[in-house]
Amino acid sequence: MNRADIKCENLIFSDHAINQMFKRDIAVVNVKSIIRFGIIINDYPNDSPFPSCLMLGYISERPIHLVIGINKKDCVIITAYEPDPKLWDKDFRIKIK
């Protein structure tokens, strides 16, 4: 999947995403910006009930990961979080094993 595949005519936020965004001070406008300008760092084409991906974007200097399910023109925001630098490389693109 590439960013051009993400149409997002409708954004749907899971309960989990809403809770996590509130706790982590991530606004809807930030999510929209990351979807528009962020990069896909992992693709999950076999996820159920529909394919999903992990995106990386920034709020100012703060890195943010979004997990988004793609169902035609609907984007389901599954979660949003600031990646832990202990678990990710310095660019927050590759998880350290």
N, C-alpha and C. Protein backbone atom coordinates (compact mmCIF):
# COMPACT_ATOMS: atom_id res chain seq x y z
N MET A 1 0.85 -1.17 0.00
CA MET A 1 0.00 0.00 0.00
C MET A 1 0.90 1.24 0.00
N ASN A 2 0.52 2.23 -0.76
CA ASN A 2 1.23 3.51 -0.69
C ASN A 2 0.24 4.61 -0.33
N ARG A 3 0.77 5.78 -0.03
CA ARG A 3 -0.10 6.85 0.45
C ARG A 3 -1.18 7.21 -0.55
N ALA A 4 -0.91 7.04 -1.83
CA ALA A 4 -1.92 7.34 -2.85
C ALA A 4 -3.13 6.42 -2.72
N ASP A 5 -2.95 5.24 -2.11
CA ASP A 5 -4.06 4.31 -1.92
C ASP A 5 -5.01 4.75 -0.79
N ILE A 6 -4.58 5.69 0.01
CA ILE A 6 -5.36 6.12 1.16
C ILE A 6 -6.21 7.32 0.75
N LYS A 7 -7.49 7.08 0.54
CA LYS A 7 -8.41 8.13 0.07
C LYS A 7 -9.06 8.88 1.23
N CYS A 8 -9.46 8.22 2.26
CA CYS A 8 -10.00 8.81 3.49
C CYS A 8 -11.07 9.85 3.26
N GLU A 9 -12.08 9.51 2.49
CA GLU A 9 -13.22 10.43 2.38
C GLU A 9 -13.96 10.51 3.71
N ASN A 10 -13.94 9.42 4.46
CA ASN A 10 -14.56 9.39 5.78
C ASN A 10 -13.53 8.89 6.79
N LEU A 11 -13.40 9.63 7.89
CA LEU A 11 -12.55 9.18 8.99
C LEU A 11 -13.45 8.62 10.08
N ILE A 12 -13.12 7.41 10.51
CA ILE A 12 -13.85 6.75 11.59
C ILE A 12 -12.83 6.46 12.69
N PHE A 13 -13.13 6.90 13.89
CA PHE A 13 -12.20 6.71 15.01
C PHE A 13 -12.72 5.60 15.92
N SER A 14 -11.88 4.59 16.14
CA SER A 14 -12.25 3.54 17.09
C SER A 14 -12.29 4.14 18.49
N ASP A 15 -13.03 3.49 19.38
CA ASP A 15 -13.07 3.94 20.78
C ASP A 15 -11.65 3.98 21.35
N HIS A 16 -10.87 2.95 21.02
CA HIS A 16 -9.50 2.89 21.50
C HIS A 16 -8.71 4.11 21.02
N ALA A 17 -8.84 4.45 19.73
CA ALA A 17 -8.11 5.60 19.19
C ALA A 17 -8.51 6.89 19.90
N ILE A 18 -9.80 7.07 20.12
CA ILE A 18 -10.27 8.29 20.80
C ILE A 18 -9.67 8.39 22.20
N ASN A 19 -9.70 7.29 22.94
CA ASN A 19 -9.12 7.28 24.29
C ASN A 19 -7.63 7.58 24.26
N GLN A 20 -6.90 6.94 23.34
CA GLN A 20 -5.46 7.13 23.27
C GLN A 20 -5.10 8.54 22.81
N MET A 21 -5.85 9.07 21.86
CA MET A 21 -5.59 10.43 21.39
C MET A 21 -5.81 11.44 22.51
N PHE A 22 -6.86 11.24 23.29
CA PHE A 22 -7.13 12.14 24.41
C PHE A 22 -6.00 12.07 25.43
N LYS A 23 -5.59 10.87 25.81
CA LYS A 23 -4.52 10.69 26.80
C LYS A 23 -3.20 11.26 26.31
N ARG A 24 -2.96 11.18 25.00
CA ARG A 24 -1.66 11.55 24.44
C ARG A 24 -1.65 12.93 23.77
N ASP A 25 -2.73 13.67 23.94
CA ASP A 25 -2.83 15.02 23.39
C ASP A 25 -2.56 15.04 21.88
N ILE A 26 -3.28 14.18 21.17
CA ILE A 26 -3.21 14.12 19.71
C ILE A 26 -4.58 14.52 19.18
N ALA A 27 -4.64 15.62 18.46
CA ALA A 27 -5.91 16.16 17.97
C ALA A 27 -6.28 15.57 16.62
N VAL A 28 -7.55 15.67 16.27
CA VAL A 28 -8.04 15.19 14.97
C VAL A 28 -7.29 15.87 13.83
N VAL A 29 -7.02 17.16 13.97
CA VAL A 29 -6.28 17.88 12.94
C VAL A 29 -4.89 17.29 12.75
N ASN A 30 -4.27 16.81 13.83
CA ASN A 30 -2.96 16.15 13.73
C ASN A 30 -3.06 14.85 12.96
N VAL A 31 -4.10 14.08 13.23
CA VAL A 31 -4.33 12.81 12.52
C VAL A 31 -4.51 13.08 11.03
N LYS A 32 -5.33 14.07 10.69
CA LYS A 32 -5.55 14.40 9.28
C LYS A 32 -4.26 14.82 8.60
N SER A 33 -3.44 15.58 9.29
CA SER A 33 -2.16 16.01 8.74
C SER A 33 -1.22 14.84 8.50
N ILE A 34 -1.17 13.91 9.44
CA ILE A 34 -0.30 12.74 9.28
C ILE A 34 -0.79 11.88 8.13
N ILE A 35 -2.08 11.71 7.99
CA ILE A 35 -2.60 10.94 6.86
C ILE A 35 -2.22 11.62 5.54
N ARG A 36 -2.29 12.91 5.51
CA ARG A 36 -2.01 13.64 4.27
C ARG A 36 -0.52 13.72 3.94
N PHE A 37 0.32 13.95 4.95
CA PHE A 37 1.73 14.22 4.70
C PHE A 37 2.69 13.17 5.24
N GLY A 38 2.19 12.25 6.07
CA GLY A 38 3.06 11.25 6.69
C GLY A 38 3.48 10.17 5.70
N ILE A 39 4.26 9.24 6.20
CA ILE A 39 4.73 8.12 5.37
C ILE A 39 4.25 6.80 5.96
N ILE A 40 4.04 5.85 5.08
CA ILE A 40 3.68 4.49 5.52
C ILE A 40 4.98 3.76 5.82
N ILE A 41 5.11 3.28 7.05
CA ILE A 41 6.33 2.56 7.42
C ILE A 41 6.11 1.06 7.54
N ASN A 42 4.87 0.64 7.58
CA ASN A 42 4.58 -0.80 7.59
C ASN A 42 3.20 -1.01 7.00
N ASP A 43 3.07 -2.09 6.28
CA ASP A 43 1.85 -2.41 5.56
C ASP A 43 1.34 -3.75 6.07
N TYR A 44 0.05 -3.83 6.36
CA TYR A 44 -0.57 -5.06 6.86
C TYR A 44 -1.73 -5.44 5.93
N PRO A 45 -1.43 -5.93 4.72
CA PRO A 45 -2.48 -6.19 3.73
C PRO A 45 -3.45 -7.30 4.12
N ASN A 46 -3.04 -8.18 5.03
CA ASN A 46 -3.89 -9.31 5.40
C ASN A 46 -4.64 -9.09 6.71
N ASP A 47 -4.58 -7.88 7.25
CA ASP A 47 -5.33 -7.59 8.47
C ASP A 47 -6.82 -7.79 8.23
N SER A 48 -7.52 -8.10 9.31
CA SER A 48 -8.96 -8.30 9.23
C SER A 48 -9.63 -7.30 10.18
N PRO A 49 -10.68 -6.70 9.81
CA PRO A 49 -11.57 -7.00 8.70
C PRO A 49 -11.17 -6.35 7.37
N PHE A 50 -10.13 -5.47 7.37
CA PHE A 50 -9.65 -4.89 6.13
C PHE A 50 -8.18 -4.52 6.28
N PRO A 51 -7.48 -4.31 5.18
CA PRO A 51 -6.04 -3.99 5.24
C PRO A 51 -5.78 -2.74 6.09
N SER A 52 -4.59 -2.71 6.68
CA SER A 52 -4.22 -1.55 7.48
C SER A 52 -2.75 -1.22 7.24
N CYS A 53 -2.33 -0.11 7.83
CA CYS A 53 -0.93 0.29 7.72
C CYS A 53 -0.55 1.10 8.95
N LEU A 54 0.75 1.21 9.16
CA LEU A 54 1.33 2.03 10.21
C LEU A 54 1.95 3.24 9.54
N MET A 55 1.53 4.43 9.96
CA MET A 55 2.06 5.67 9.39
C MET A 55 2.87 6.42 10.43
N LEU A 56 3.85 7.16 9.93
CA LEU A 56 4.67 8.04 10.76
C LEU A 56 4.49 9.47 10.29
N GLY A 57 4.24 10.34 11.23
CA GLY A 57 4.18 11.77 10.94
C GLY A 57 4.65 12.53 12.17
N TYR A 58 4.64 13.84 12.06
CA TYR A 58 5.15 14.67 13.16
C TYR A 58 4.16 15.77 13.52
N ILE A 59 4.05 16.02 14.81
CA ILE A 59 3.36 17.19 15.34
C ILE A 59 4.49 18.07 15.85
N SER A 60 4.79 19.12 15.11
CA SER A 60 6.00 19.93 15.36
C SER A 60 7.18 18.97 15.26
N GLU A 61 7.91 18.78 16.34
CA GLU A 61 9.06 17.87 16.34
C GLU A 61 8.70 16.49 16.90
N ARG A 62 7.49 16.33 17.36
CA ARG A 62 7.05 15.11 18.06
C ARG A 62 6.62 14.03 17.07
N PRO A 63 7.29 12.86 17.08
CA PRO A 63 6.89 11.78 16.17
C PRO A 63 5.59 11.14 16.65
N ILE A 64 4.74 10.80 15.69
CA ILE A 64 3.47 10.14 16.00
C ILE A 64 3.28 8.98 15.03
N HIS A 65 2.87 7.84 15.56
CA HIS A 65 2.48 6.69 14.75
C HIS A 65 0.96 6.59 14.74
N LEU A 66 0.41 6.29 13.57
CA LEU A 66 -1.02 6.00 13.43
C LEU A 66 -1.16 4.62 12.83
N VAL A 67 -2.08 3.84 13.34
CA VAL A 67 -2.48 2.60 12.69
C VAL A 67 -3.85 2.87 12.09
N ILE A 68 -3.93 2.67 10.77
CA ILE A 68 -5.14 3.02 10.03
C ILE A 68 -5.61 1.82 9.22
N GLY A 69 -6.87 1.47 9.37
CA GLY A 69 -7.50 0.46 8.53
C GLY A 69 -8.14 1.14 7.33
N ILE A 70 -7.99 0.54 6.16
CA ILE A 70 -8.51 1.14 4.92
C ILE A 70 -9.62 0.25 4.37
N ASN A 71 -10.82 0.82 4.27
CA ASN A 71 -11.96 0.10 3.73
C ASN A 71 -12.57 0.97 2.63
N LYS A 72 -12.11 0.77 1.41
CA LYS A 72 -12.51 1.59 0.26
C LYS A 72 -12.18 3.05 0.54
N LYS A 73 -13.17 3.90 0.76
CA LYS A 73 -12.92 5.32 0.98
C LYS A 73 -13.00 5.70 2.46
N ASP A 74 -13.19 4.70 3.32
CA ASP A 74 -13.23 4.94 4.76
C ASP A 74 -11.87 4.61 5.36
N CYS A 75 -11.41 5.46 6.25
CA CYS A 75 -10.20 5.19 7.01
C CYS A 75 -10.59 5.07 8.47
N VAL A 76 -10.26 3.94 9.05
CA VAL A 76 -10.55 3.70 10.46
C VAL A 76 -9.26 3.91 11.24
N ILE A 77 -9.27 4.91 12.11
CA ILE A 77 -8.12 5.17 12.95
C ILE A 77 -8.21 4.19 14.11
N ILE A 78 -7.25 3.27 14.13
CA ILE A 78 -7.25 2.21 15.13
C ILE A 78 -6.56 2.67 16.40
N THR A 79 -5.41 3.33 16.25
CA THR A 79 -4.71 3.90 17.40
C THR A 79 -3.76 4.98 16.92
N ALA A 80 -3.33 5.80 17.86
CA ALA A 80 -2.35 6.86 17.62
C ALA A 80 -1.48 6.96 18.86
N TYR A 81 -0.16 7.03 18.66
CA TYR A 81 0.74 7.09 19.81
C TYR A 81 2.08 7.69 19.43
N GLU A 82 2.80 8.13 20.44
CA GLU A 82 4.18 8.58 20.26
C GLU A 82 5.08 7.37 20.44
N PRO A 83 5.85 7.01 19.41
CA PRO A 83 6.69 5.81 19.53
C PRO A 83 7.77 5.98 20.60
N ASP A 84 8.00 4.90 21.33
CA ASP A 84 9.02 4.88 22.39
C ASP A 84 10.40 4.79 21.73
N PRO A 85 11.29 5.76 21.98
CA PRO A 85 12.62 5.73 21.35
C PRO A 85 13.45 4.51 21.74
N LYS A 86 13.08 3.83 22.84
CA LYS A 86 13.79 2.60 23.23
C LYS A 86 13.40 1.43 22.33
N LEU A 87 12.23 1.53 21.68
CA LEU A 87 11.72 0.43 20.88
C LEU A 87 11.87 0.65 19.37
N TRP A 88 12.23 1.88 18.97
CA TRP A 88 12.30 2.23 17.55
C TRP A 88 13.66 2.83 17.23
N ASP A 89 14.07 2.70 15.96
CA ASP A 89 15.32 3.33 15.53
C ASP A 89 15.21 4.85 15.65
N LYS A 90 16.30 5.55 15.38
CA LYS A 90 16.32 7.00 15.60
C LYS A 90 15.35 7.76 14.71
N ASP A 91 14.94 7.17 13.58
CA ASP A 91 13.98 7.79 12.68
C ASP A 91 12.55 7.34 12.94
N PHE A 92 12.35 6.45 13.91
CA PHE A 92 11.04 5.91 14.30
C PHE A 92 10.36 5.14 13.16
N ARG A 93 11.17 4.57 12.28
CA ARG A 93 10.64 3.82 11.13
C ARG A 93 10.79 2.31 11.28
N ILE A 94 11.78 1.88 12.04
CA ILE A 94 12.05 0.44 12.18
C ILE A 94 12.06 0.09 13.66
N LYS A 95 11.25 -0.91 14.00
CA LYS A 95 11.18 -1.37 15.39
C LYS A 95 12.44 -2.17 15.71
N ILE A 96 13.05 -1.87 16.85
CA ILE A 96 14.23 -2.58 17.30
C ILE A 96 13.79 -3.90 17.89
N LYS A 97 14.43 -4.96 17.50
CA LYS A 97 14.04 -6.29 17.97
C LYS A 97 14.64 -6.62 19.30
